[in-house]
């Protein structure tokens, strides 16, 4: 799993091409807008891609348009060439949704505004009436733009901070992709493609309920069992037995070489990396507990009085073990990475080698956050 993710040994991914290569392997990385010490997608990439900067991802999304914001495992970043595979979801949004009639009444006018003005945000187009929306009542402008984005009429053209600017999809996606038929019109075939994609995204999965299957519409345990049966029969996945775990685990047949490498028991370079809270490898939290004996919960939505650790806490990986968790904040004014706390797992020995690895990791992480200094409280 760690070799597949590029989190152990020498870096497998490097620079702009490394970003593309990792997302090609992973299918998607999950997007979340909260930025305490980097947004989730950026955090995923900084732990794997040598020389990664936030501008690299922004450029691939909004300048070169080789990547695209859209829904895969919840809101995600995918390759633009994957656009045809999600046609059924876009079509579904055209026939339903909150405030459907009110939104439909203004769609053509919004398209006309964009043709005349270029990319717009919800503040640029009027339509200030409040309508029923998914999280709470919202302005019609926001609900309409988001619905047209769900439907594929619009895409995110660029962002300023957390503000999204939308453009017509036809202006940002090549016509042959925009109009391509869905590669898997059969529902089961589509689900098979997505299950295989998720196994590749995590590297190792079991056939159990998991957040790893989120947003694969209609995927119940019956369908999932049949899909695993077919994928095994088609030799697209390999069934594995792991010492100490009774359930069978599965990886892609294409990763046979990684299995052979591991079985040769190589000496792999131990890297120290901070892992994103919604990292691909953490999509199956119960699996991570079973494999690594590491129990991780993202406590951002937990009331502060009930948190065991902190608001935005990142797992700390060293070699093939999760050794602790770190709460850090990027202070943009002072250009300082402020480490609020480090919690070590039971049994972790504070060796000089470990402290050097953590120190190097934190300074690399500071550079990723465009910080020149690292502040560590006493005792860390």
Protein backbone atom coordinates (compact mmCIF):
# COMPACT_ATOMS: atom_id res chain seq x y z
CA UNK A 1 0.00 0.00 0.00
CA UNK A 2 2.78 2.44 0.93
CA UNK A 3 4.75 1.65 -2.23
CA UNK A 4 1.64 2.12 -4.35
CA UNK A 5 0.97 5.46 -2.66
CA UNK A 6 4.57 6.57 -3.12
CA UNK A 7 5.00 7.13 0.62
CA UNK A 8 7.97 4.88 1.32
CA UNK A 9 11.36 4.60 -0.34
CA UNK A 10 12.54 7.21 -2.82
CA UNK A 11 9.94 9.57 -4.28
CA UNK A 12 8.08 7.95 -7.18
CA UNK A 13 6.46 11.19 -8.28
CA UNK A 14 8.16 14.47 -9.12
CA UNK A 15 7.11 17.92 -10.32
CA UNK A 16 4.13 18.73 -12.54
CA UNK A 17 4.26 15.39 -14.34
CA UNK A 18 4.34 13.69 -10.93
CA UNK A 19 1.05 15.37 -10.02
CA UNK A 20 -0.53 14.05 -13.22
CA UNK A 21 0.96 10.60 -12.74
CA UNK A 22 -0.34 10.30 -9.19
CA UNK A 23 -3.86 11.46 -10.09
CA UNK A 24 -3.85 9.09 -13.06
CA UNK A 25 -3.08 6.26 -10.62
CA UNK A 26 -5.49 7.44 -7.93
CA UNK A 27 -8.39 8.37 -10.21
CA UNK A 28 -9.17 11.30 -7.97
CA UNK A 29 -8.07 13.16 -4.89
CA UNK A 30 -10.71 14.53 -2.58
CA UNK A 31 -11.14 18.31 -2.41
CA UNK A 32 -11.98 20.26 0.72
CA UNK A 33 -11.80 24.09 0.85
CA UNK A 34 -10.61 24.43 4.47
CA UNK A 35 -7.07 25.78 4.53
CA UNK A 36 -5.30 25.64 7.90
CA UNK A 37 -1.94 24.42 6.63
CA UNK A 38 -2.90 23.61 3.04
CA UNK A 39 -6.11 22.32 1.48
CA UNK A 40 -6.70 18.55 1.51
CA UNK A 41 -5.82 17.95 -2.16
CA UNK A 42 -2.62 19.96 -1.75
CA UNK A 43 -1.76 18.00 1.40
CA UNK A 44 -2.19 14.70 -0.45
CA UNK A 45 0.24 15.80 -3.15
CA UNK A 46 2.87 17.42 -0.92
CA UNK A 47 3.45 14.10 0.84
CA UNK A 48 4.12 12.25 -2.44
CA UNK A 49 5.33 14.61 -5.14
CA UNK A 50 8.90 15.84 -4.92
CA UNK A 51 9.04 19.60 -5.51
CA UNK A 52 5.27 20.05 -5.24
CA UNK A 53 3.93 23.58 -4.86
CA UNK A 54 0.36 24.80 -4.60
CA UNK A 55 0.83 26.74 -7.85
CA UNK A 56 1.55 23.48 -9.70
CA UNK A 57 -1.94 22.19 -8.91
CA UNK A 58 -3.59 25.54 -9.63
CA UNK A 59 -1.88 25.70 -13.02
CA UNK A 60 -2.95 22.18 -14.00
CA UNK A 61 -6.55 22.98 -12.98
CA UNK A 62 -7.14 26.51 -14.25
CA UNK A 63 -4.44 27.30 -16.80
CA UNK A 64 -3.51 24.08 -18.60
CA UNK A 65 -6.89 22.45 -17.74
CA UNK A 66 -5.44 18.96 -17.62
CA UNK A 67 -7.27 18.53 -14.31
CA UNK A 68 -10.84 19.33 -13.38
CA UNK A 69 -12.98 19.95 -10.28
CA UNK A 70 -15.89 17.51 -10.26
CA UNK A 71 -17.60 14.87 -8.17
CA UNK A 72 -15.99 11.46 -7.82
CA UNK A 73 -15.51 10.53 -4.17
CA UNK A 74 -17.52 13.55 -3.08
CA UNK A 75 -16.07 16.77 -4.50
CA UNK A 76 -12.76 15.80 -6.06
CA UNK A 77 -10.07 16.64 -8.57
CA UNK A 78 -9.99 14.33 -11.58
CA UNK A 79 -8.28 14.20 -14.96
CA UNK A 80 -10.15 16.24 -17.56
CA UNK A 81 -10.06 13.19 -19.84
CA UNK A 82 -12.31 11.37 -17.31
CA UNK A 83 -15.19 13.73 -18.11
CA UNK A 84 -17.18 11.20 -20.24
CA UNK A 85 -17.26 8.61 -17.43
CA UNK A 86 -19.51 10.79 -15.27
CA UNK A 87 -22.14 11.63 -17.86
CA UNK A 88 -24.89 9.70 -16.01
CA UNK A 89 -24.44 11.90 -12.95
CA UNK A 90 -24.68 15.08 -14.97
CA UNK A 91 -27.80 13.82 -16.71
CA UNK A 92 -29.41 12.90 -13.37
CA UNK A 93 -28.98 16.48 -12.14
CA UNK A 94 -30.89 17.76 -15.16
CA UNK A 95 -34.13 16.06 -14.13
CA UNK A 96 -34.20 16.79 -10.41
CA UNK A 97 -32.72 18.69 -7.49
CA UNK A 98 -33.64 21.44 -5.06
CA UNK A 99 -35.52 24.49 -6.40
CA UNK A 100 -35.53 22.84 -9.82
CA UNK A 101 -38.12 25.07 -11.52
CA UNK A 102 -36.72 28.39 -10.22
CA UNK A 103 -33.23 27.45 -11.32
CA UNK A 104 -34.35 26.27 -14.76
CA UNK A 105 -36.03 29.62 -15.31
CA UNK A 106 -32.73 31.53 -15.15
CA UNK A 107 -30.22 29.10 -16.73
CA UNK A 108 -30.34 30.51 -20.26
CA UNK A 109 -29.99 34.06 -18.97
CA UNK A 110 -26.92 33.04 -16.95
CA UNK A 111 -25.36 31.44 -20.02
CA UNK A 112 -25.98 34.69 -21.94
CA UNK A 113 -24.29 36.72 -19.18
CA UNK A 114 -21.24 34.43 -19.27
CA UNK A 115 -21.02 34.66 -23.06
CA UNK A 116 -20.96 38.45 -22.76
CA UNK A 117 -18.86 38.91 -19.60
CA UNK A 118 -16.73 35.78 -19.32
CA UNK A 119 -16.34 33.74 -16.14
CA UNK A 120 -18.55 34.89 -13.26
CA UNK A 121 -19.05 34.29 -9.55
CA UNK A 122 -22.41 34.29 -7.81
CA UNK A 123 -21.87 37.95 -6.84
CA UNK A 124 -21.63 39.01 -10.50
CA UNK A 125 -24.99 38.00 -11.91
CA UNK A 126 -27.79 39.30 -9.66
CA UNK A 127 -30.63 36.83 -8.88
CA UNK A 128 -30.57 37.65 -5.16
CA UNK A 129 -33.85 35.90 -4.27
CA UNK A 130 -33.44 33.20 -1.63
CA UNK A 131 -34.29 29.61 -2.58
CA UNK A 132 -34.24 26.28 -0.82
CA UNK A 133 -30.77 24.77 -1.15
CA UNK A 134 -29.00 21.68 0.16
CA UNK A 135 -27.21 23.03 3.22
CA UNK A 136 -29.41 26.07 3.96
CA UNK A 137 -31.38 28.65 2.01
CA UNK A 138 -29.13 30.35 -0.55
CA UNK A 139 -29.29 33.06 -3.17
CA UNK A 140 -30.72 31.92 -6.47
CA UNK A 141 -27.44 32.99 -8.15
CA UNK A 142 -25.40 30.51 -6.10
CA UNK A 143 -27.94 27.68 -6.40
CA UNK A 144 -28.23 28.16 -10.17
CA UNK A 145 -24.46 28.26 -10.79
CA UNK A 146 -23.88 25.18 -8.66
CA UNK A 147 -26.72 23.29 -10.34
CA UNK A 148 -25.38 24.15 -13.79
CA UNK A 149 -21.98 22.95 -12.58
CA UNK A 150 -23.51 19.66 -11.36
CA UNK A 151 -25.15 19.27 -14.78
CA UNK A 152 -21.93 19.94 -16.67
CA UNK A 153 -23.16 23.13 -18.32
CA UNK A 154 -20.50 25.05 -16.38
CA UNK A 155 -17.08 24.26 -14.95
CA UNK A 156 -14.93 26.10 -12.43
CA UNK A 157 -12.85 28.48 -14.53
CA UNK A 158 -10.67 29.73 -11.66
CA UNK A 159 -10.79 30.64 -7.98
CA UNK A 160 -9.89 33.67 -5.92
CA UNK A 161 -9.47 32.36 -2.41
CA UNK A 162 -12.63 30.36 -1.80
CA UNK A 163 -14.68 32.21 -4.45
CA UNK A 164 -15.41 30.12 -7.55
CA UNK A 165 -15.70 31.65 -11.00
CA UNK A 166 -17.68 29.63 -13.52
CA UNK A 167 -17.41 29.46 -17.29
CA UNK A 168 -19.26 27.52 -19.95
CA UNK A 169 -17.95 23.97 -20.16
CA UNK A 170 -17.61 24.33 -23.93
CA UNK A 171 -15.00 27.07 -23.38
CA UNK A 172 -12.80 24.88 -21.18
CA UNK A 173 -13.21 21.28 -22.37
CA UNK A 174 -12.42 20.01 -25.86
CA UNK A 175 -15.52 19.21 -27.93
CA UNK A 176 -14.54 15.56 -28.44
CA UNK A 177 -14.49 15.07 -24.65
CA UNK A 178 -17.48 17.27 -23.94
CA UNK A 179 -19.72 15.31 -26.31
CA UNK A 180 -18.21 11.85 -25.91
CA UNK A 181 -20.65 9.04 -25.04
CA UNK A 182 -20.37 7.37 -21.67
CA UNK A 183 -17.84 4.50 -21.94
CA UNK A 184 -19.89 2.21 -19.64
CA UNK A 185 -23.62 2.81 -20.27
CA UNK A 186 -24.52 -0.42 -18.42
CA UNK A 187 -24.94 0.30 -14.70
CA UNK A 188 -23.03 -2.73 -13.45
CA UNK A 189 -20.15 -2.12 -15.86
CA UNK A 190 -19.96 1.48 -14.65
CA UNK A 191 -19.90 0.36 -11.02
CA UNK A 192 -17.16 -2.17 -11.83
CA UNK A 193 -15.05 0.59 -13.35
CA UNK A 194 -15.51 2.74 -10.26
CA UNK A 195 -14.80 -0.07 -7.77
CA UNK A 196 -11.63 -0.97 -9.65
CA UNK A 197 -10.69 2.71 -9.64
CA UNK A 198 -11.18 2.94 -5.86
CA UNK A 199 -9.07 -0.16 -5.20
CA UNK A 200 -6.32 1.49 -7.23
CA UNK A 201 -6.82 4.77 -5.37
CA UNK A 202 -6.23 3.20 -1.96
CA UNK A 203 -3.88 0.43 -3.06
CA UNK A 204 -5.39 -2.29 -0.91
CA UNK A 205 -9.05 -2.73 0.04
CA UNK A 206 -11.44 -5.30 1.39
CA UNK A 207 -14.98 -6.10 0.31
CA UNK A 208 -16.67 -4.40 3.25
CA UNK A 209 -18.66 -1.22 3.77
CA UNK A 210 -16.27 1.72 3.70
CA UNK A 211 -16.03 5.41 2.89
CA UNK A 212 -13.89 4.23 -0.02
CA UNK A 213 -17.16 3.48 -1.89
CA UNK A 214 -18.76 6.91 -1.32
CA UNK A 215 -20.71 8.45 -4.19
CA UNK A 216 -20.87 5.29 -6.31
CA UNK A 217 -24.61 5.50 -6.84
CA UNK A 218 -26.58 2.29 -6.31
CA UNK A 219 -23.64 0.31 -4.95
CA UNK A 220 -25.08 -1.95 -2.25
CA UNK A 221 -23.42 -5.00 -0.72
CA UNK A 222 -25.15 -7.32 -3.24
CA UNK A 223 -23.79 -5.40 -6.22
CA UNK A 224 -20.38 -5.05 -4.58
CA UNK A 225 -20.14 -8.81 -3.97
CA UNK A 226 -20.96 -9.51 -7.61
CA UNK A 227 -18.45 -6.91 -8.79
CA UNK A 228 -15.65 -8.43 -6.71
CA UNK A 229 -16.58 -11.88 -8.05
CA UNK A 230 -16.40 -10.67 -11.64
CA UNK A 231 -13.18 -8.70 -11.16
CA UNK A 232 -11.52 -11.78 -9.68
CA UNK A 233 -12.80 -13.96 -12.51
CA UNK A 234 -11.52 -11.45 -15.06
CA UNK A 235 -8.16 -11.41 -13.25
CA UNK A 236 -8.29 -7.65 -12.77
CA UNK A 237 -7.73 -7.92 -9.02
CA UNK A 238 -5.68 -10.22 -6.78
CA UNK A 239 -6.97 -11.70 -3.52
CA UNK A 240 -4.53 -11.42 -0.62
CA UNK A 241 -4.28 -12.89 2.85
CA UNK A 242 -2.69 -10.67 5.49
CA UNK A 243 -1.39 -12.15 8.73
CA UNK A 244 -3.67 -11.28 11.62
CA UNK A 245 -6.63 -10.18 9.48
CA UNK A 246 -9.38 -12.71 8.77
CA UNK A 247 -10.92 -10.81 5.85
CA UNK A 248 -9.44 -11.14 2.38
CA UNK A 249 -7.88 -8.02 0.91
CA UNK A 250 -7.57 -7.07 -2.75
CA UNK A 251 -5.20 -5.10 -4.96
CA UNK A 252 -5.04 -4.46 -8.69
CA UNK A 253 -3.50 -7.22 -10.81
CA UNK A 254 -1.50 -4.42 -12.40
CA UNK A 255 0.25 -4.03 -9.03
CA UNK A 256 1.67 -7.57 -9.11
CA UNK A 257 5.15 -6.06 -9.38
CA UNK A 258 4.71 -4.16 -6.11
CA UNK A 259 3.72 -7.40 -4.37
CA UNK A 260 6.80 -9.14 -5.70
CA UNK A 261 8.97 -6.27 -4.52
CA UNK A 262 7.54 -6.46 -1.00
CA UNK A 263 7.95 -10.24 -0.83
CA UNK A 264 11.64 -9.79 -1.59
CA UNK A 265 11.83 -7.85 1.71
CA UNK A 266 13.83 -4.92 0.37
CA UNK A 267 15.40 -2.24 2.53
CA UNK A 268 13.26 0.77 1.70
CA UNK A 269 14.19 4.31 2.69
CA UNK A 270 12.03 5.48 5.59
CA UNK A 271 10.38 8.82 4.86
CA UNK A 272 8.62 11.02 7.39
CA UNK A 273 5.48 12.58 5.91
CA UNK A 274 2.40 14.45 7.13
CA UNK A 275 -0.72 12.82 5.68
CA UNK A 276 -3.89 14.64 4.60
CA UNK A 277 -7.04 14.12 6.72
CA UNK A 278 -8.98 12.90 3.64
CA UNK A 279 -6.00 11.16 2.09
CA UNK A 280 -6.73 8.36 -0.39
CA UNK A 281 -4.95 5.88 1.85
CA UNK A 282 -7.24 6.80 4.76
CA UNK A 283 -10.53 6.27 2.90
CA UNK A 284 -10.92 2.93 4.70
CA UNK A 285 -10.38 3.98 8.35
CA UNK A 286 -11.23 0.54 9.76
CA UNK A 287 -8.73 -1.01 7.35
CA UNK A 288 -6.03 1.42 8.50
CA UNK A 289 -6.79 0.42 12.08
CA UNK A 290 -6.50 -3.27 11.15
CA UNK A 291 -3.27 -2.87 9.15
CA UNK A 292 -1.41 -0.20 11.11
CA UNK A 293 -3.14 -0.24 14.52
CA UNK A 294 -3.72 3.48 14.02
CA UNK A 295 -7.13 4.90 14.91
CA UNK A 296 -7.64 8.22 13.14
CA UNK A 297 -10.65 10.51 13.25
CA UNK A 298 -10.77 13.92 11.62
CA UNK A 299 -12.16 15.99 14.49
CA UNK A 300 -12.90 19.16 12.56
CA UNK A 301 -16.67 18.63 12.94
CA UNK A 302 -16.41 17.35 16.52
CA UNK A 303 -17.41 19.94 19.17
CA UNK A 304 -14.21 21.36 20.67
CA UNK A 305 -14.98 20.08 24.16
CA UNK A 306 -15.26 16.53 22.79
CA UNK A 307 -12.08 16.50 20.72
CA UNK A 308 -9.35 14.12 21.80
CA UNK A 309 -6.68 15.96 19.83
CA UNK A 310 -7.47 19.12 17.86
CA UNK A 311 -9.34 20.94 15.11
CA UNK A 312 -7.10 20.10 12.11
CA UNK A 313 -4.73 17.28 13.01
CA UNK A 314 -2.63 15.37 10.46
CA UNK A 315 -1.35 11.80 10.85
CA UNK A 316 2.43 11.49 10.98
CA UNK A 317 3.91 8.61 9.00
CA UNK A 318 7.48 7.37 9.44
CA UNK A 319 8.61 4.42 7.38
CA UNK A 320 5.87 1.80 7.54
CA UNK A 321 4.28 3.06 10.76
CA UNK A 322 1.98 5.86 11.83
CA UNK A 323 3.93 7.27 14.77
CA UNK A 324 1.69 10.12 15.82
CA UNK A 325 -0.29 13.17 14.79
CA UNK A 326 0.50 16.84 14.39
CA UNK A 327 -1.56 20.00 14.70
CA UNK A 328 0.08 22.81 12.74
CA UNK A 329 -1.06 26.19 11.44
CA UNK A 330 0.50 28.21 8.65
CA UNK A 331 0.73 31.80 9.94
CA UNK A 332 0.85 33.82 6.72
CA UNK A 333 1.61 37.15 8.41
CA UNK A 334 4.76 35.97 10.16
CA UNK A 335 5.55 33.26 7.57
CA UNK A 336 5.82 30.76 10.39
CA UNK A 337 4.59 27.19 10.60
CA UNK A 338 3.25 27.05 14.14
CA UNK A 339 3.24 23.50 15.49
CA UNK A 340 0.65 23.54 18.26
CA UNK A 341 1.21 19.97 19.38
CA UNK A 342 2.62 16.58 18.46
CA UNK A 343 1.00 13.47 19.95
CA UNK A 344 3.06 10.29 19.69
CA UNK A 345 1.60 6.81 19.54
CA UNK A 346 2.25 4.45 22.44
CA UNK A 347 5.64 2.76 22.19
CA UNK A 348 7.28 5.30 19.88
CA UNK A 349 10.89 5.81 20.99
CA UNK A 350 12.22 9.35 20.80
CA UNK A 351 15.51 8.57 19.08
CA UNK A 352 17.83 11.18 17.60
CA UNK A 353 17.24 9.68 14.15
CA UNK A 354 13.48 10.01 14.56
CA UNK A 355 13.71 13.61 15.77
CA UNK A 356 15.92 14.50 12.80
CA UNK A 357 13.40 12.93 10.40
CA UNK A 358 10.49 14.82 12.01
CA UNK A 359 12.43 18.07 11.99
CA UNK A 360 13.20 17.67 8.28
CA UNK A 361 9.56 16.82 7.60
CA UNK A 362 8.32 19.95 9.40
CA UNK A 363 10.74 22.21 7.59
CA UNK A 364 9.72 20.73 4.23
CA UNK A 365 6.10 21.23 5.24
CA UNK A 366 6.84 24.84 6.19
CA UNK A 367 8.30 25.43 2.73
CA UNK A 368 5.17 23.95 1.15
CA UNK A 369 3.15 26.51 3.17
CA UNK A 370 5.51 29.31 2.05
CA UNK A 371 6.73 29.71 5.63
CA UNK A 372 10.35 30.55 6.47
CA UNK A 373 10.26 29.48 10.11
CA UNK A 374 8.98 26.63 12.26
CA UNK A 375 7.80 27.23 15.80
CA UNK A 376 7.76 24.20 18.10
CA UNK A 377 6.40 24.48 21.66
CA UNK A 378 8.46 23.10 24.52
CA UNK A 379 8.26 19.34 24.79
CA UNK A 380 7.64 18.69 21.09
